[in-house]
């Protein structure tokens, strides 16, 4: 019989984040192969674990992006411990860690009502599209790592509720990730990142001034991986041009989440967001 005593909650050690991502894989979320290192760089104190009898049984990420915004994700309780209050205790600890910040999350649709009861409001749906990598097109893209870093931050900033310099630096420079951009008029007008996952590759973020740039980058990023590989793109549904782009590349919906916010006064520019960074960190 499992020990059902109240769980102890503490920040994760770096290695424990890998365990949380293994749980995420079992939930069917298909994490990236190098996500743990990049996530930890975003906020080393932003990952909590619940333990019973010294054994990890639940996790949550509550990453702080500066003083005004945080993102909640990786909210998982091991199946045999569900319905016993462990998740709620972890949720409360996570929200306390974020303090008075505005908070965003990408929740599975089935949990939307629960999040609403905690004060979150639906902003939009995100839909995961899956297709096969096609080669051809995508000329003119440059390696993001060769650019002035401030250009990358300036391009990203309107599309996220807060600055996320630490996360982006880890995301762009992680071995195994490919990050490309498009210059226009001396400024970075679009950028995207593709990374290997347990299944295939995910593209995100994909930020662009317009659909033509987004298509060029999408094709350039697909050309970085073996032709025919499974490729995933998480699209905010309000961006109709992103939906048209994905469908035009032969991609089809396979999963969706509910983007919800609590206390957010400044929402990101979804018309320039053709692909979400990650459902776990926003």
C-alpha atoms as a PDB file:
ATOM      1  CA  UNK A   1       0.000   0.000   0.000  1.00  0.00           C
ATOM      2  CA  UNK A   2       1.280   3.463  -0.865  1.00  0.00           C
ATOM      3  CA  UNK A   3       2.124   5.870   1.908  1.00  0.00           C
ATOM      4  CA  UNK A   4      -0.617   8.522   1.617  1.00  0.00           C
ATOM      5  CA  UNK A   5       0.695  10.981   4.187  1.00  0.00           C
ATOM      6  CA  UNK A   6       0.881  14.650   3.241  1.00  0.00           C
ATOM      7  CA  UNK A   7       3.581  15.327   0.720  1.00  0.00           C
ATOM      8  CA  UNK A   8       6.687  17.352   1.376  1.00  0.00           C
ATOM      9  CA  UNK A   9       7.245  20.080  -1.224  1.00  0.00           C
ATOM     10  CA  UNK A  10      10.594  21.584  -2.188  1.00  0.00           C
ATOM     11  CA  UNK A  11      12.445  23.001  -5.227  1.00  0.00           C
ATOM     12  CA  UNK A  12      13.739  20.372  -7.635  1.00  0.00           C
ATOM     13  CA  UNK A  13      17.364  19.477  -7.988  1.00  0.00           C
ATOM     14  CA  UNK A  14      18.558  19.708 -11.616  1.00  0.00           C
ATOM     15  CA  UNK A  15      18.394  15.946 -12.139  1.00  0.00           C
ATOM     16  CA  UNK A  16      14.805  15.761 -10.919  1.00  0.00           C
ATOM     17  CA  UNK A  17      13.618  17.942 -13.761  1.00  0.00           C
ATOM     18  CA  UNK A  18      14.536  15.094 -16.085  1.00  0.00           C
ATOM     19  CA  UNK A  19      12.216  12.843 -14.083  1.00  0.00           C
ATOM     20  CA  UNK A  20       9.401  15.368 -14.455  1.00  0.00           C
ATOM     21  CA  UNK A  21       9.901  15.380 -18.215  1.00  0.00           C
ATOM     22  CA  UNK A  22       9.763  11.572 -18.223  1.00  0.00           C
ATOM     23  CA  UNK A  23       6.371  11.866 -16.561  1.00  0.00           C
ATOM     24  CA  UNK A  24       5.393  14.426 -19.206  1.00  0.00           C
ATOM     25  CA  UNK A  25       6.389  11.934 -21.883  1.00  0.00           C
ATOM     26  CA  UNK A  26       4.103   9.324 -20.319  1.00  0.00           C
ATOM     27  CA  UNK A  27       1.278  11.870 -20.488  1.00  0.00           C
ATOM     28  CA  UNK A  28       1.885  12.069 -24.245  1.00  0.00           C
ATOM     29  CA  UNK A  29       3.358  15.594 -24.212  1.00  0.00           C
ATOM     30  CA  UNK A  30       6.478  14.638 -26.227  1.00  0.00           C
ATOM     31  CA  UNK A  31       9.120  16.815 -24.525  1.00  0.00           C
ATOM     32  CA  UNK A  32      12.345  17.848 -26.233  1.00  0.00           C
ATOM     33  CA  UNK A  33      15.500  15.836 -25.670  1.00  0.00           C
ATOM     34  CA  UNK A  34      17.320  18.835 -24.142  1.00  0.00           C
ATOM     35  CA  UNK A  35      14.400  20.631 -22.498  1.00  0.00           C
ATOM     36  CA  UNK A  36      15.544  20.054 -18.923  1.00  0.00           C
ATOM     37  CA  UNK A  37      18.734  22.131 -19.187  1.00  0.00           C
ATOM     38  CA  UNK A  38      16.972  24.977 -20.999  1.00  0.00           C
ATOM     39  CA  UNK A  39      13.993  25.008 -18.634  1.00  0.00           C
ATOM     40  CA  UNK A  40      16.259  25.045 -15.580  1.00  0.00           C
ATOM     41  CA  UNK A  41      18.182  28.009 -16.988  1.00  0.00           C
ATOM     42  CA  UNK A  42      14.958  30.021 -17.138  1.00  0.00           C
ATOM     43  CA  UNK A  43      14.473  29.946 -13.339  1.00  0.00           C
ATOM     44  CA  UNK A  44      16.423  27.403 -11.244  1.00  0.00           C
ATOM     45  CA  UNK A  45      13.950  27.863  -8.370  1.00  0.00           C
ATOM     46  CA  UNK A  46      10.918  27.577 -10.627  1.00  0.00           C
ATOM     47  CA  UNK A  47      10.382  23.814 -10.431  1.00  0.00           C
ATOM     48  CA  UNK A  48       8.771  22.170  -7.417  1.00  0.00           C
ATOM     49  CA  UNK A  49       8.462  18.509  -6.520  1.00  0.00           C
ATOM     50  CA  UNK A  50       6.077  16.848  -4.102  1.00  0.00           C
ATOM     51  CA  UNK A  51       7.361  13.831  -2.209  1.00  0.00           C
ATOM     52  CA  UNK A  52       5.708  11.120  -0.129  1.00  0.00           C
ATOM     53  CA  UNK A  53       7.999   8.986   1.960  1.00  0.00           C
ATOM     54  CA  UNK A  54      10.940  10.683   0.264  1.00  0.00           C
ATOM     55  CA  UNK A  55       9.795   9.584  -3.196  1.00  0.00           C
ATOM     56  CA  UNK A  56       8.804  12.120  -5.896  1.00  0.00           C
ATOM     57  CA  UNK A  57       5.100  11.780  -6.704  1.00  0.00           C
ATOM     58  CA  UNK A  58       4.161  15.162  -8.243  1.00  0.00           C
ATOM     59  CA  UNK A  59       5.681  18.157  -9.988  1.00  0.00           C
ATOM     60  CA  UNK A  60       4.881  21.663 -11.181  1.00  0.00           C
ATOM     61  CA  UNK A  61       6.837  24.401 -12.957  1.00  0.00           C
ATOM     62  CA  UNK A  62       6.286  27.996 -11.874  1.00  0.00           C
ATOM     63  CA  UNK A  63       8.887  29.920 -13.833  1.00  0.00           C
ATOM     64  CA  UNK A  64       9.298  33.612 -13.001  1.00  0.00           C
ATOM     65  CA  UNK A  65       9.980  35.941 -15.903  1.00  0.00           C
ATOM     66  CA  UNK A  66      11.044  39.082 -14.081  1.00  0.00           C
ATOM     67  CA  UNK A  67       9.001  40.776 -11.374  1.00  0.00           C
ATOM     68  CA  UNK A  68       5.643  40.901 -13.165  1.00  0.00           C
ATOM     69  CA  UNK A  69       4.980  37.606 -14.963  1.00  0.00           C
ATOM     70  CA  UNK A  70       5.224  33.877 -14.413  1.00  0.00           C
ATOM     71  CA  UNK A  71       4.209  30.742 -16.285  1.00  0.00           C
ATOM     72  CA  UNK A  72       2.802  27.573 -14.764  1.00  0.00           C
ATOM     73  CA  UNK A  73       3.265  24.174 -16.396  1.00  0.00           C
ATOM     74  CA  UNK A  74       4.434  20.573 -15.966  1.00  0.00           C
ATOM     75  CA  UNK A  75       1.620  20.086 -13.455  1.00  0.00           C
ATOM     76  CA  UNK A  76       1.597  16.315 -13.005  1.00  0.00           C
ATOM     77  CA  UNK A  77       0.625  13.980 -10.167  1.00  0.00           C
ATOM     78  CA  UNK A  78       1.552  10.341 -10.544  1.00  0.00           C
ATOM     79  CA  UNK A  79      -1.679   8.458 -11.331  1.00  0.00           C
ATOM     80  CA  UNK A  80      -1.733   6.338  -8.184  1.00  0.00           C
ATOM     81  CA  UNK A  81      -1.549   9.465  -5.997  1.00  0.00           C
ATOM     82  CA  UNK A  82      -4.274  11.481  -7.687  1.00  0.00           C
ATOM     83  CA  UNK A  83      -7.397  12.546  -5.826  1.00  0.00           C
ATOM     84  CA  UNK A  84      -5.631  12.754  -2.444  1.00  0.00           C
ATOM     85  CA  UNK A  85      -4.845  16.453  -2.243  1.00  0.00           C
ATOM     86  CA  UNK A  86      -1.200  16.246  -3.271  1.00  0.00           C
ATOM     87  CA  UNK A  87      -1.788  18.166  -6.494  1.00  0.00           C
ATOM     88  CA  UNK A  88      -3.728  20.919  -4.766  1.00  0.00           C
ATOM     89  CA  UNK A  89      -0.984  21.357  -2.155  1.00  0.00           C
ATOM     90  CA  UNK A  90       1.604  21.610  -4.925  1.00  0.00           C
ATOM     91  CA  UNK A  91      -0.582  24.067  -6.863  1.00  0.00           C
ATOM     92  CA  UNK A  92      -0.861  26.333  -3.811  1.00  0.00           C
ATOM     93  CA  UNK A  93       2.903  26.207  -3.225  1.00  0.00           C
ATOM     94  CA  UNK A  94       3.515  27.041  -6.876  1.00  0.00           C
ATOM     95  CA  UNK A  95       1.160  29.997  -6.905  1.00  0.00           C
ATOM     96  CA  UNK A  96       2.751  31.264  -3.686  1.00  0.00           C
ATOM     97  CA  UNK A  97       6.164  31.049  -5.385  1.00  0.00           C
ATOM     98  CA  UNK A  98       4.865  33.309  -8.179  1.00  0.00           C
ATOM     99  CA  UNK A  99       3.502  35.826  -5.674  1.00  0.00           C
ATOM    100  CA  UNK A 100       1.645  38.802  -7.098  1.00  0.00           C
ATOM    101  CA  UNK A 101       2.815  38.202 -10.672  1.00  0.00           C
ATOM    102  CA  UNK A 102       0.412  37.773 -13.538  1.00  0.00           C
ATOM    103  CA  UNK A 103       0.400  34.078 -14.470  1.00  0.00           C
ATOM    104  CA  UNK A 104      -0.105  32.226 -17.739  1.00  0.00           C
ATOM    105  CA  UNK A 105      -0.588  28.537 -18.416  1.00  0.00           C
ATOM    106  CA  UNK A 106      -1.367  26.140 -21.256  1.00  0.00           C
ATOM    107  CA  UNK A 107      -3.813  23.686 -19.759  1.00  0.00           C
ATOM    108  CA  UNK A 108      -5.317  20.559 -21.215  1.00  0.00           C
ATOM    109  CA  UNK A 109      -8.894  21.278 -22.195  1.00  0.00           C
ATOM    110  CA  UNK A 110     -10.326  18.924 -19.574  1.00  0.00           C
ATOM    111  CA  UNK A 111      -8.822  21.023 -16.757  1.00  0.00           C
ATOM    112  CA  UNK A 112     -10.043  24.387 -18.022  1.00  0.00           C
ATOM    113  CA  UNK A 113     -12.941  24.579 -15.536  1.00  0.00           C
ATOM    114  CA  UNK A 114     -10.602  23.869 -12.618  1.00  0.00           C
ATOM    115  CA  UNK A 115      -8.231  26.622 -13.690  1.00  0.00           C
ATOM    116  CA  UNK A 116     -11.138  29.042 -14.050  1.00  0.00           C
ATOM    117  CA  UNK A 117     -12.105  28.363 -10.445  1.00  0.00           C
ATOM    118  CA  UNK A 118      -8.583  29.441  -9.480  1.00  0.00           C
ATOM    119  CA  UNK A 119      -9.055  32.779 -11.217  1.00  0.00           C
ATOM    120  CA  UNK A 120      -7.701  32.023 -14.692  1.00  0.00           C
ATOM    121  CA  UNK A 121      -9.512  33.282 -17.788  1.00  0.00           C
ATOM    122  CA  UNK A 122      -9.356  31.724 -21.247  1.00  0.00           C
ATOM    123  CA  UNK A 123      -7.399  33.806 -23.749  1.00  0.00           C
ATOM    124  CA  UNK A 124      -7.327  31.451 -26.722  1.00  0.00           C
ATOM    125  CA  UNK A 125      -6.777  27.887 -27.849  1.00  0.00           C
ATOM    126  CA  UNK A 126      -3.405  26.596 -28.969  1.00  0.00           C
ATOM    127  CA  UNK A 127      -3.505  23.767 -31.487  1.00  0.00           C
ATOM    128  CA  UNK A 128      -0.617  21.381 -32.111  1.00  0.00           C
ATOM    129  CA  UNK A 129      -0.168  20.544 -35.784  1.00  0.00           C
ATOM    130  CA  UNK A 130       1.824  17.572 -37.024  1.00  0.00           C
ATOM    131  CA  UNK A 131       3.314  17.016 -40.455  1.00  0.00           C
ATOM    132  CA  UNK A 132       6.341  15.599 -42.211  1.00  0.00           C
ATOM    133  CA  UNK A 133       9.487  17.625 -42.881  1.00  0.00           C
ATOM    134  CA  UNK A 134       9.727  18.705 -46.491  1.00  0.00           C
ATOM    135  CA  UNK A 135      12.918  20.012 -48.043  1.00  0.00           C
ATOM    136  CA  UNK A 136      12.949  22.877 -50.505  1.00  0.00           C
ATOM    137  CA  UNK A 137      12.554  26.623 -50.202  1.00  0.00           C
ATOM    138  CA  UNK A 138      13.519  28.578 -47.124  1.00  0.00           C
ATOM    139  CA  UNK A 139      16.387  30.543 -48.659  1.00  0.00           C
ATOM    140  CA  UNK A 140      17.882  33.582 -46.992  1.00  0.00           C
ATOM    141  CA  UNK A 141      17.749  32.397 -43.393  1.00  0.00           C
ATOM    142  CA  UNK A 142      20.737  33.120 -41.144  1.00  0.00           C
ATOM    143  CA  UNK A 143      22.028  31.353 -38.048  1.00  0.00           C
ATOM    144  CA  UNK A 144      20.559  33.213 -35.074  1.00  0.00           C
ATOM    145  CA  UNK A 145      23.726  32.620 -33.052  1.00  0.00           C
ATOM    146  CA  UNK A 146      25.705  34.873 -35.400  1.00  0.00           C
ATOM    147  CA  UNK A 147      23.499  37.922 -34.783  1.00  0.00           C
ATOM    148  CA  UNK A 148      23.700  40.646 -32.189  1.00  0.00           C
ATOM    149  CA  UNK A 149      21.826  39.148 -29.219  1.00  0.00           C
ATOM    150  CA  UNK A 150      19.817  42.310 -28.581  1.00  0.00           C
ATOM    151  CA  UNK A 151      18.241  41.881 -32.017  1.00  0.00           C
ATOM    152  CA  UNK A 152      16.847  38.519 -30.925  1.00  0.00           C
ATOM    153  CA  UNK A 153      15.472  39.951 -27.684  1.00  0.00           C
ATOM    154  CA  UNK A 154      13.883  42.885 -29.519  1.00  0.00           C
ATOM    155  CA  UNK A 155      12.225  40.564 -32.036  1.00  0.00           C
ATOM    156  CA  UNK A 156      10.833  38.308 -29.321  1.00  0.00           C
ATOM    157  CA  UNK A 157       9.711  40.904 -26.789  1.00  0.00           C
ATOM    158  CA  UNK A 158       6.338  41.927 -28.319  1.00  0.00           C
ATOM    159  CA  UNK A 159       5.326  38.270 -28.518  1.00  0.00           C
ATOM    160  CA  UNK A 160       5.729  37.372 -24.834  1.00  0.00           C
ATOM    161  CA  UNK A 161       4.273  39.057 -21.747  1.00  0.00           C
ATOM    162  CA  UNK A 162       7.743  39.625 -20.248  1.00  0.00           C
ATOM    163  CA  UNK A 163      11.395  39.492 -21.158  1.00  0.00           C
ATOM    164  CA  UNK A 164      12.811  35.950 -21.222  1.00  0.00           C
ATOM    165  CA  UNK A 165      16.477  36.498 -21.975  1.00  0.00           C
ATOM    166  CA  UNK A 166      17.877  33.627 -19.870  1.00  0.00           C
ATOM    167  CA  UNK A 167      15.521  31.061 -21.354  1.00  0.00           C
ATOM    168  CA  UNK A 168      16.001  32.242 -24.934  1.00  0.00           C
ATOM    169  CA  UNK A 169      19.775  32.223 -24.643  1.00  0.00           C
ATOM    170  CA  UNK A 170      19.729  28.606 -23.446  1.00  0.00           C
ATOM    171  CA  UNK A 171      17.116  27.644 -26.064  1.00  0.00           C
ATOM    172  CA  UNK A 172      18.988  29.167 -28.994  1.00  0.00           C
ATOM    173  CA  UNK A 173      22.455  27.976 -27.975  1.00  0.00           C
ATOM    174  CA  UNK A 174      21.558  24.443 -26.849  1.00  0.00           C
ATOM    175  CA  UNK A 175      23.464  21.746 -28.745  1.00  0.00           C
ATOM    176  CA  UNK A 176      21.023  19.903 -30.983  1.00  0.00           C
ATOM    177  CA  UNK A 177      18.754  22.932 -31.441  1.00  0.00           C
ATOM    178  CA  UNK A 178      18.810  24.926 -34.687  1.00  0.00           C
ATOM    179  CA  UNK A 179      17.845  28.604 -34.566  1.00  0.00           C
ATOM    180  CA  UNK A 180      17.366  30.670 -37.724  1.00  0.00           C
ATOM    181  CA  UNK A 181      16.312  34.217 -38.510  1.00  0.00           C
ATOM    182  CA  UNK A 182      15.379  36.513 -41.369  1.00  0.00           C
ATOM    183  CA  UNK A 183      16.779  40.036 -41.635  1.00  0.00           C
ATOM    184  CA  UNK A 184      14.868  42.894 -43.215  1.00  0.00           C
ATOM    185  CA  UNK A 185      15.994  46.500 -43.381  1.00  0.00           C
ATOM    186  CA  UNK A 186      18.862  45.844 -40.999  1.00  0.00           C
ATOM    187  CA  UNK A 187      16.661  44.338 -38.277  1.00  0.00           C
ATOM    188  CA  UNK A 188      15.664  40.824 -37.309  1.00  0.00           C
ATOM    189  CA  UNK A 189      12.117  40.468 -38.656  1.00  0.00           C
ATOM    190  CA  UNK A 190      11.547  36.773 -37.920  1.00  0.00           C
ATOM    191  CA  UNK A 191      13.119  33.895 -36.046  1.00  0.00           C
ATOM    192  CA  UNK A 192      12.428  30.268 -35.230  1.00  0.00           C
ATOM    193  CA  UNK A 193      13.923  27.312 -33.386  1.00  0.00           C
ATOM    194  CA  UNK A 194      13.625  23.578 -34.121  1.00  0.00           C
ATOM    195  CA  UNK A 195      14.593  20.945 -31.575  1.00  0.00           C
ATOM    196  CA  UNK A 196      14.650  17.146 -31.380  1.00  0.00           C
ATOM    197  CA  UNK A 197      11.953  15.530 -29.244  1.00  0.00           C
ATOM    198  CA  UNK A 198      11.210  11.989 -28.125  1.00  0.00           C
ATOM    199  CA  UNK A 199       9.102  11.791 -31.258  1.00  0.00           C
ATOM    200  CA  UNK A 200      10.250  13.869 -34.218  1.00  0.00           C
ATOM    201  CA  UNK A 201      10.980  17.593 -33.931  1.00  0.00           C
ATOM    202  CA  UNK A 202       9.147  20.622 -32.596  1.00  0.00           C
ATOM    203  CA  UNK A 203       9.360  24.120 -34.027  1.00  0.00           C
ATOM    204  CA  UNK A 204       8.933  26.959 -31.549  1.00  0.00           C
ATOM    205  CA  UNK A 205       8.974  29.785 -31.075  1.00  0.00           C
ATOM    206  CA  UNK A 206       8.181  30.826 -34.652  1.00  0.00           C
ATOM    207  CA  UNK A 207       7.914  34.625 -34.723  1.00  0.00           C
ATOM    208  CA  UNK A 208       7.495  36.644 -37.914  1.00  0.00           C
ATOM    209  CA  UNK A 209       6.198  39.993 -39.147  1.00  0.00           C
ATOM    210  CA  UNK A 210       4.060  38.269 -41.773  1.00  0.00           C
ATOM    211  CA  UNK A 211       3.017  34.907 -43.172  1.00  0.00           C
ATOM    212  CA  UNK A 212       5.522  34.961 -46.031  1.00  0.00           C
ATOM    213  CA  UNK A 213       8.421  35.273 -43.593  1.00  0.00           C
ATOM    214  CA  UNK A 214       6.920  32.577 -41.389  1.00  0.00           C
ATOM    215  CA  UNK A 215       6.668  30.198 -44.353  1.00  0.00           C
ATOM    216  CA  UNK A 216      10.263  30.870 -45.396  1.00  0.00           C
ATOM    217  CA  UNK A 217      11.479  30.134 -41.880  1.00  0.00           C
ATOM    218  CA  UNK A 218       9.272  27.077 -41.496  1.00  0.00           C
ATOM    219  CA  UNK A 219      10.738  25.598 -44.668  1.00  0.00           C
ATOM    220  CA  UNK A 220      14.290  26.526 -43.639  1.00  0.00           C
ATOM    221  CA  UNK A 221      13.831  24.884 -40.242  1.00  0.00           C
ATOM    222  CA  UNK A 222      12.355  21.743 -41.796  1.00  0.00           C
ATOM    223  CA  UNK A 223      15.424  21.542 -44.036  1.00  0.00           C
ATOM    224  CA  UNK A 224      17.567  21.204 -40.884  1.00  0.00           C
ATOM    225  CA  UNK A 225      16.122  17.763 -40.070  1.00  0.00           C
ATOM    226  CA  UNK A 226      15.854  14.521 -42.066  1.00  0.00           C
ATOM    227  CA  UNK A 227      13.230  14.724 -44.785  1.00  0.00           C
ATOM    228  CA  UNK A 228      10.044  12.928 -43.800  1.00  0.00           C
ATOM    229  CA  UNK A 229      10.641  13.337 -40.057  1.00  0.00           C
ATOM    230  CA  UNK A 230       7.614  14.107 -37.902  1.00  0.00           C
ATOM    231  CA  UNK A 231       7.445  17.858 -37.244  1.00  0.00           C
ATOM    232  CA  UNK A 232       5.163  19.627 -34.771  1.00  0.00           C
ATOM    233  CA  UNK A 233       4.102  23.277 -34.582  1.00  0.00           C
ATOM    234  CA  UNK A 234       1.992  24.684 -31.730  1.00  0.00           C
ATOM    235  CA  UNK A 235      -0.182  27.437 -33.191  1.00  0.00           C
ATOM    236  CA  UNK A 236      -2.237  30.049 -31.347  1.00  0.00           C
ATOM    237  CA  UNK A 237      -5.670  29.725 -32.911  1.00  0.00           C
ATOM    238  CA  UNK A 238      -6.251  33.522 -33.183  1.00  0.00           C
ATOM    239  CA  UNK A 239      -3.480  33.662 -35.805  1.00  0.00           C
ATOM    240  CA  UNK A 240      -5.511  32.556 -38.821  1.00  0.00           C
ATOM    241  CA  UNK A 241      -2.515  32.977 -41.135  1.00  0.00           C
ATOM    242  CA  UNK A 242      -0.566  30.449 -39.045  1.00  0.00           C
ATOM    243  CA  UNK A 243      -3.368  27.910 -39.440  1.00  0.00           C
ATOM    244  CA  UNK A 244      -3.377  28.447 -43.216  1.00  0.00           C
ATOM    245  CA  UNK A 245       0.416  28.070 -43.286  1.00  0.00           C
ATOM    246  CA  UNK A 246       0.392  24.792 -41.368  1.00  0.00           C
ATOM    247  CA  UNK A 247      -2.398  23.303 -43.431  1.00  0.00           C
ATOM    248  CA  UNK A 248      -0.673  24.430 -46.627  1.00  0.00           C
ATOM    249  CA  UNK A 249       2.390  22.442 -45.529  1.00  0.00           C
ATOM    250  CA  UNK A 250       0.290  19.313 -45.098  1.00  0.00           C
ATOM    251  CA  UNK A 251       0.095  19.529 -41.308  1.00  0.00           C
ATOM    252  CA  UNK A 252      -2.991  18.496 -39.342  1.00  0.00           C
ATOM    253  CA  UNK A 253      -4.222  19.077 -35.745  1.00  0.00           C
ATOM    254  CA  UNK A 254      -3.343  16.394 -33.196  1.00  0.00           C
ATOM    255  CA  UNK A 255      -3.691  18.087 -29.769  1.00  0.00           C
ATOM    256  CA  UNK A 256      -4.787  21.343 -28.186  1.00  0.00           C
ATOM    257  CA  UNK A 257      -4.443  23.349 -25.003  1.00  0.00           C
ATOM    258  CA  UNK A 258      -6.227  26.281 -23.421  1.00  0.00           C
ATOM    259  CA  UNK A 259      -4.014  29.368 -22.972  1.00  0.00           C
ATOM    260  CA  UNK A 260      -5.262  31.026 -19.809  1.00  0.00           C
ATOM    261  CA  UNK A 261      -4.095  34.009 -17.791  1.00  0.00           C
ATOM    262  CA  UNK A 262      -4.634  35.277 -14.287  1.00  0.00           C
ATOM    263  CA  UNK A 263      -4.050  38.977 -13.690  1.00  0.00           C
ATOM    264  CA  UNK A 264      -2.384  39.650 -17.045  1.00  0.00           C
ATOM    265  CA  UNK A 265      -2.705  43.221 -18.246  1.00  0.00           C
ATOM    266  CA  UNK A 266      -0.459  42.908 -21.301  1.00  0.00           C
ATOM    267  CA  UNK A 267      -1.124  40.062 -23.711  1.00  0.00           C
ATOM    268  CA  UNK A 268       1.453  39.079 -26.335  1.00  0.00           C
ATOM    269  CA  UNK A 269       1.150  39.790 -30.065  1.00  0.00           C
ATOM    270  CA  UNK A 270      -0.480  36.639 -31.387  1.00  0.00           C
ATOM    271  CA  UNK A 271      -0.566  37.900 -34.976  1.00  0.00           C
ATOM    272  CA  UNK A 272       3.248  37.711 -35.106  1.00  0.00           C
ATOM    273  CA  UNK A 273       3.312  34.421 -33.200  1.00  0.00           C
ATOM    274  CA  UNK A 274       3.129  31.573 -35.705  1.00  0.00           C
ATOM    275  CA  UNK A 275       4.396  29.014 -33.202  1.00  0.00           C
ATOM    276  CA  UNK A 276       4.379  28.887 -29.391  1.00  0.00           C
ATOM    277  CA  UNK A 277       7.749  28.304 -27.699  1.00  0.00           C
ATOM    278  CA  UNK A 278       6.642  25.463 -25.412  1.00  0.00           C
ATOM    279  CA  UNK A 279       3.423  24.523 -23.660  1.00  0.00           C
ATOM    280  CA  UNK A 280       5.475  24.073 -20.477  1.00  0.00           C
ATOM    281  CA  UNK A 281       7.152  27.503 -20.317  1.00  0.00           C
ATOM    282  CA  UNK A 282       4.999  29.636 -22.597  1.00  0.00           C
END
